[in-house]
Amino acid sequence: MSEQIVEDLEDLEQPSAEGELVHWMEPKPIRVGPAGVSAAAAGAFALGVTATVVALALLHWLGPQRIILVSRRAERL
């Protein structure tokens, strides 16, 4: 705890509007160059392709069992 003692309630007022309230809460500027943007786009595309292939593989694997019926004529050949 702080050892500072507040003697008047006026000392607890809100800070003035001209100064910064907290400087560490300001968002930092984004520093991503063209290579970073390209890498992010390529990574997102690869992730989307991978997710699609996995989803299609699961649908195929979990899908209904298909029974192939062979006619008698096809059996003779």
N, C-alpha and C. Protein backbone atom coordinates (compact mmCIF):
# COMPACT_ATOMS: atom_id res chain seq x y z
N MET A 1 0.83 -1.17 0.00
CA MET A 1 0.00 0.00 0.00
C MET A 1 0.88 1.24 0.00
N SER A 2 0.27 2.27 -0.46
CA SER A 2 1.00 3.53 -0.53
C SER A 2 1.02 4.18 0.85
N GLU A 3 2.09 4.85 1.11
CA GLU A 3 2.20 5.55 2.39
C GLU A 3 1.66 6.97 2.28
N GLN A 4 1.21 7.33 1.08
CA GLN A 4 0.69 8.67 0.89
C GLN A 4 -0.71 8.75 1.50
N ILE A 5 -0.96 9.76 2.26
CA ILE A 5 -2.25 9.94 2.91
C ILE A 5 -2.98 11.08 2.23
N VAL A 6 -4.23 10.84 1.87
CA VAL A 6 -5.05 11.86 1.25
C VAL A 6 -5.78 12.59 2.36
N GLU A 7 -5.54 13.88 2.49
CA GLU A 7 -6.15 14.64 3.57
C GLU A 7 -7.45 15.30 3.14
N ASP A 8 -7.55 15.64 1.88
CA ASP A 8 -8.77 16.28 1.41
C ASP A 8 -9.40 15.43 0.33
N LEU A 9 -10.71 15.44 0.27
CA LEU A 9 -11.40 14.71 -0.78
C LEU A 9 -11.21 15.36 -2.15
N GLU A 10 -10.81 16.62 -2.15
CA GLU A 10 -10.56 17.30 -3.41
C GLU A 10 -9.36 16.70 -4.14
N ASP A 11 -8.47 16.08 -3.41
CA ASP A 11 -7.30 15.46 -4.04
C ASP A 11 -7.68 14.21 -4.83
N LEU A 12 -8.86 13.68 -4.59
CA LEU A 12 -9.28 12.46 -5.27
C LEU A 12 -10.06 12.73 -6.56
N GLU A 13 -10.10 13.96 -7.00
CA GLU A 13 -10.84 14.29 -8.22
C GLU A 13 -10.21 13.63 -9.43
N GLN A 14 -10.98 13.62 -10.50
CA GLN A 14 -10.49 13.05 -11.76
C GLN A 14 -9.33 13.88 -12.30
N PRO A 15 -8.39 13.25 -13.00
CA PRO A 15 -7.28 14.02 -13.56
C PRO A 15 -7.76 14.96 -14.66
N SER A 16 -7.00 15.97 -14.91
CA SER A 16 -7.40 16.96 -15.91
C SER A 16 -7.36 16.33 -17.31
N ALA A 17 -8.12 16.90 -18.23
CA ALA A 17 -8.27 16.33 -19.57
C ALA A 17 -7.05 16.58 -20.44
N GLU A 18 -6.18 17.51 -20.10
CA GLU A 18 -5.07 17.83 -20.99
C GLU A 18 -3.92 16.84 -20.89
N GLY A 19 -3.83 16.08 -19.83
CA GLY A 19 -2.73 15.13 -19.68
C GLY A 19 -3.16 13.72 -20.02
N GLU A 20 -2.15 12.84 -20.16
CA GLU A 20 -2.45 11.43 -20.44
C GLU A 20 -2.92 10.75 -19.16
N LEU A 21 -3.89 9.89 -19.31
CA LEU A 21 -4.37 9.15 -18.15
C LEU A 21 -3.38 8.02 -17.86
N VAL A 22 -3.20 7.16 -18.82
CA VAL A 22 -2.21 6.09 -18.72
C VAL A 22 -1.57 5.93 -20.09
N HIS A 23 -0.30 6.12 -20.17
CA HIS A 23 0.36 6.05 -21.47
C HIS A 23 0.57 4.61 -21.93
N TRP A 24 0.60 3.65 -21.04
CA TRP A 24 0.88 2.27 -21.44
C TRP A 24 -0.33 1.59 -22.06
N MET A 25 -1.51 2.20 -22.02
CA MET A 25 -2.69 1.60 -22.62
C MET A 25 -2.90 2.05 -24.06
N GLU A 26 -2.08 2.94 -24.55
CA GLU A 26 -2.21 3.38 -25.93
C GLU A 26 -1.83 2.23 -26.87
N PRO A 27 -2.59 2.04 -27.95
CA PRO A 27 -2.23 0.98 -28.88
C PRO A 27 -0.93 1.31 -29.60
N LYS A 28 -0.10 0.30 -29.77
CA LYS A 28 1.16 0.51 -30.45
C LYS A 28 0.92 0.47 -31.96
N PRO A 29 1.68 1.23 -32.70
CA PRO A 29 1.48 1.20 -34.16
C PRO A 29 1.90 -0.15 -34.72
N ILE A 30 1.18 -0.58 -35.75
CA ILE A 30 1.49 -1.87 -36.38
C ILE A 30 2.68 -1.67 -37.30
N ARG A 31 3.68 -2.51 -37.14
CA ARG A 31 4.88 -2.42 -37.97
C ARG A 31 5.04 -3.72 -38.75
N VAL A 32 4.24 -3.85 -39.79
CA VAL A 32 4.32 -5.03 -40.64
C VAL A 32 4.56 -4.54 -42.06
N GLY A 33 5.62 -5.02 -42.66
CA GLY A 33 5.93 -4.63 -44.02
C GLY A 33 5.19 -5.48 -45.03
N PRO A 34 5.50 -5.27 -46.31
CA PRO A 34 4.85 -6.05 -47.36
C PRO A 34 5.11 -7.56 -47.24
N ALA A 35 6.29 -7.92 -46.78
CA ALA A 35 6.60 -9.35 -46.62
C ALA A 35 5.73 -9.97 -45.52
N GLY A 36 5.49 -9.23 -44.46
CA GLY A 36 4.64 -9.73 -43.38
C GLY A 36 3.20 -9.90 -43.81
N VAL A 37 2.70 -8.95 -44.59
CA VAL A 37 1.33 -9.05 -45.09
C VAL A 37 1.20 -10.23 -46.04
N SER A 38 2.20 -10.42 -46.91
CA SER A 38 2.18 -11.55 -47.84
C SER A 38 2.25 -12.89 -47.10
N ALA A 39 3.08 -12.95 -46.08
CA ALA A 39 3.20 -14.18 -45.29
C ALA A 39 1.90 -14.48 -44.56
N ALA A 40 1.25 -13.45 -44.03
CA ALA A 40 -0.02 -13.66 -43.33
C ALA A 40 -1.09 -14.14 -44.29
N ALA A 41 -1.14 -13.56 -45.49
CA ALA A 41 -2.13 -13.98 -46.49
C ALA A 41 -1.87 -15.42 -46.94
N ALA A 42 -0.61 -15.76 -47.17
CA ALA A 42 -0.27 -17.13 -47.59
C ALA A 42 -0.58 -18.12 -46.47
N GLY A 43 -0.30 -17.76 -45.24
CA GLY A 43 -0.60 -18.63 -44.11
C GLY A 43 -2.09 -18.85 -43.94
N ALA A 44 -2.87 -17.78 -44.11
CA ALA A 44 -4.33 -17.92 -44.00
C ALA A 44 -4.88 -18.79 -45.12
N PHE A 45 -4.35 -18.63 -46.32
CA PHE A 45 -4.79 -19.46 -47.44
C PHE A 45 -4.45 -20.93 -47.19
N ALA A 46 -3.22 -21.20 -46.75
CA ALA A 46 -2.81 -22.57 -46.47
C ALA A 46 -3.66 -23.19 -45.35
N LEU A 47 -3.96 -22.41 -44.34
CA LEU A 47 -4.81 -22.90 -43.25
C LEU A 47 -6.21 -23.23 -43.76
N GLY A 48 -6.75 -22.39 -44.63
CA GLY A 48 -8.07 -22.64 -45.20
C GLY A 48 -8.09 -23.89 -46.08
N VAL A 49 -7.06 -24.05 -46.89
CA VAL A 49 -6.99 -25.25 -47.74
C VAL A 49 -6.87 -26.50 -46.88
N THR A 50 -6.03 -26.45 -45.87
CA THR A 50 -5.86 -27.60 -44.98
C THR A 50 -7.16 -27.94 -44.26
N ALA A 51 -7.87 -26.94 -43.77
CA ALA A 51 -9.13 -27.18 -43.08
C ALA A 51 -10.17 -27.78 -44.02
N THR A 52 -10.19 -27.32 -45.27
CA THR A 52 -11.13 -27.86 -46.25
C THR A 52 -10.82 -29.31 -46.57
N VAL A 53 -9.56 -29.63 -46.79
CA VAL A 53 -9.18 -31.00 -47.10
C VAL A 53 -9.49 -31.92 -45.92
N VAL A 54 -9.23 -31.47 -44.71
CA VAL A 54 -9.52 -32.29 -43.53
C VAL A 54 -11.03 -32.50 -43.40
N ALA A 55 -11.81 -31.47 -43.63
CA ALA A 55 -13.27 -31.60 -43.53
C ALA A 55 -13.81 -32.56 -44.59
N LEU A 56 -13.31 -32.47 -45.79
CA LEU A 56 -13.76 -33.39 -46.85
C LEU A 56 -13.33 -34.83 -46.55
N ALA A 57 -12.13 -35.00 -46.02
CA ALA A 57 -11.67 -36.35 -45.66
C ALA A 57 -12.54 -36.94 -44.54
N LEU A 58 -12.89 -36.13 -43.55
CA LEU A 58 -13.75 -36.62 -42.47
C LEU A 58 -15.14 -36.96 -42.98
N LEU A 59 -15.67 -36.14 -43.88
CA LEU A 59 -16.98 -36.43 -44.45
C LEU A 59 -16.96 -37.74 -45.24
N HIS A 60 -15.89 -37.96 -45.95
CA HIS A 60 -15.77 -39.20 -46.71
C HIS A 60 -15.61 -40.40 -45.78
N TRP A 61 -14.79 -40.25 -44.75
CA TRP A 61 -14.51 -41.35 -43.83
C TRP A 61 -15.73 -41.67 -42.97
N LEU A 62 -16.47 -40.64 -42.55
CA LEU A 62 -17.62 -40.85 -41.68
C LEU A 62 -18.92 -41.04 -42.46
N GLY A 63 -18.85 -40.95 -43.78
CA GLY A 63 -20.05 -41.07 -44.60
C GLY A 63 -20.60 -42.49 -44.60
N PRO A 64 -21.74 -42.67 -45.24
CA PRO A 64 -22.35 -44.00 -45.27
C PRO A 64 -21.50 -44.99 -46.08
N GLN A 65 -21.59 -46.25 -45.67
CA GLN A 65 -20.87 -47.31 -46.39
C GLN A 65 -21.56 -47.54 -47.72
N ARG A 66 -20.81 -47.55 -48.78
CA ARG A 66 -21.38 -47.80 -50.09
C ARG A 66 -21.06 -49.23 -50.51
N ILE A 67 -22.08 -49.94 -50.93
CA ILE A 67 -21.91 -51.32 -51.39
C ILE A 67 -21.99 -51.30 -52.91
N ILE A 68 -20.96 -51.82 -53.54
CA ILE A 68 -20.94 -51.85 -54.99
C ILE A 68 -21.59 -53.15 -55.45
N LEU A 69 -22.65 -53.02 -56.19
CA LEU A 69 -23.35 -54.18 -56.72
C LEU A 69 -22.81 -54.48 -58.11
N VAL A 70 -22.42 -55.72 -58.30
CA VAL A 70 -21.88 -56.13 -59.60
C VAL A 70 -22.91 -57.07 -60.23
N SER A 71 -23.27 -56.77 -61.45
CA SER A 71 -24.25 -57.61 -62.14
C SER A 71 -23.60 -58.94 -62.53
N ARG A 72 -24.41 -59.94 -62.84
CA ARG A 72 -23.89 -61.25 -63.20
C ARG A 72 -23.10 -61.21 -64.50
N ARG A 73 -23.51 -60.34 -65.40
CA ARG A 73 -22.78 -60.23 -66.65
C ARG A 73 -21.37 -59.70 -66.42
N ALA A 74 -21.22 -58.74 -65.53
CA ALA A 74 -19.91 -58.17 -65.25
C ALA A 74 -19.01 -59.19 -64.54
N GLU A 75 -19.64 -60.12 -63.78
CA GLU A 75 -18.85 -61.15 -63.10
C GLU A 75 -18.24 -62.12 -64.09
N ARG A 76 -18.94 -62.41 -65.19
CA ARG A 76 -18.44 -63.37 -66.18
C ARG A 76 -17.27 -62.81 -66.94
N LEU A 77 -17.24 -61.50 -67.09
CA LEU A 77 -16.17 -60.91 -67.88
C LEU A 77 -14.97 -60.77 -67.03
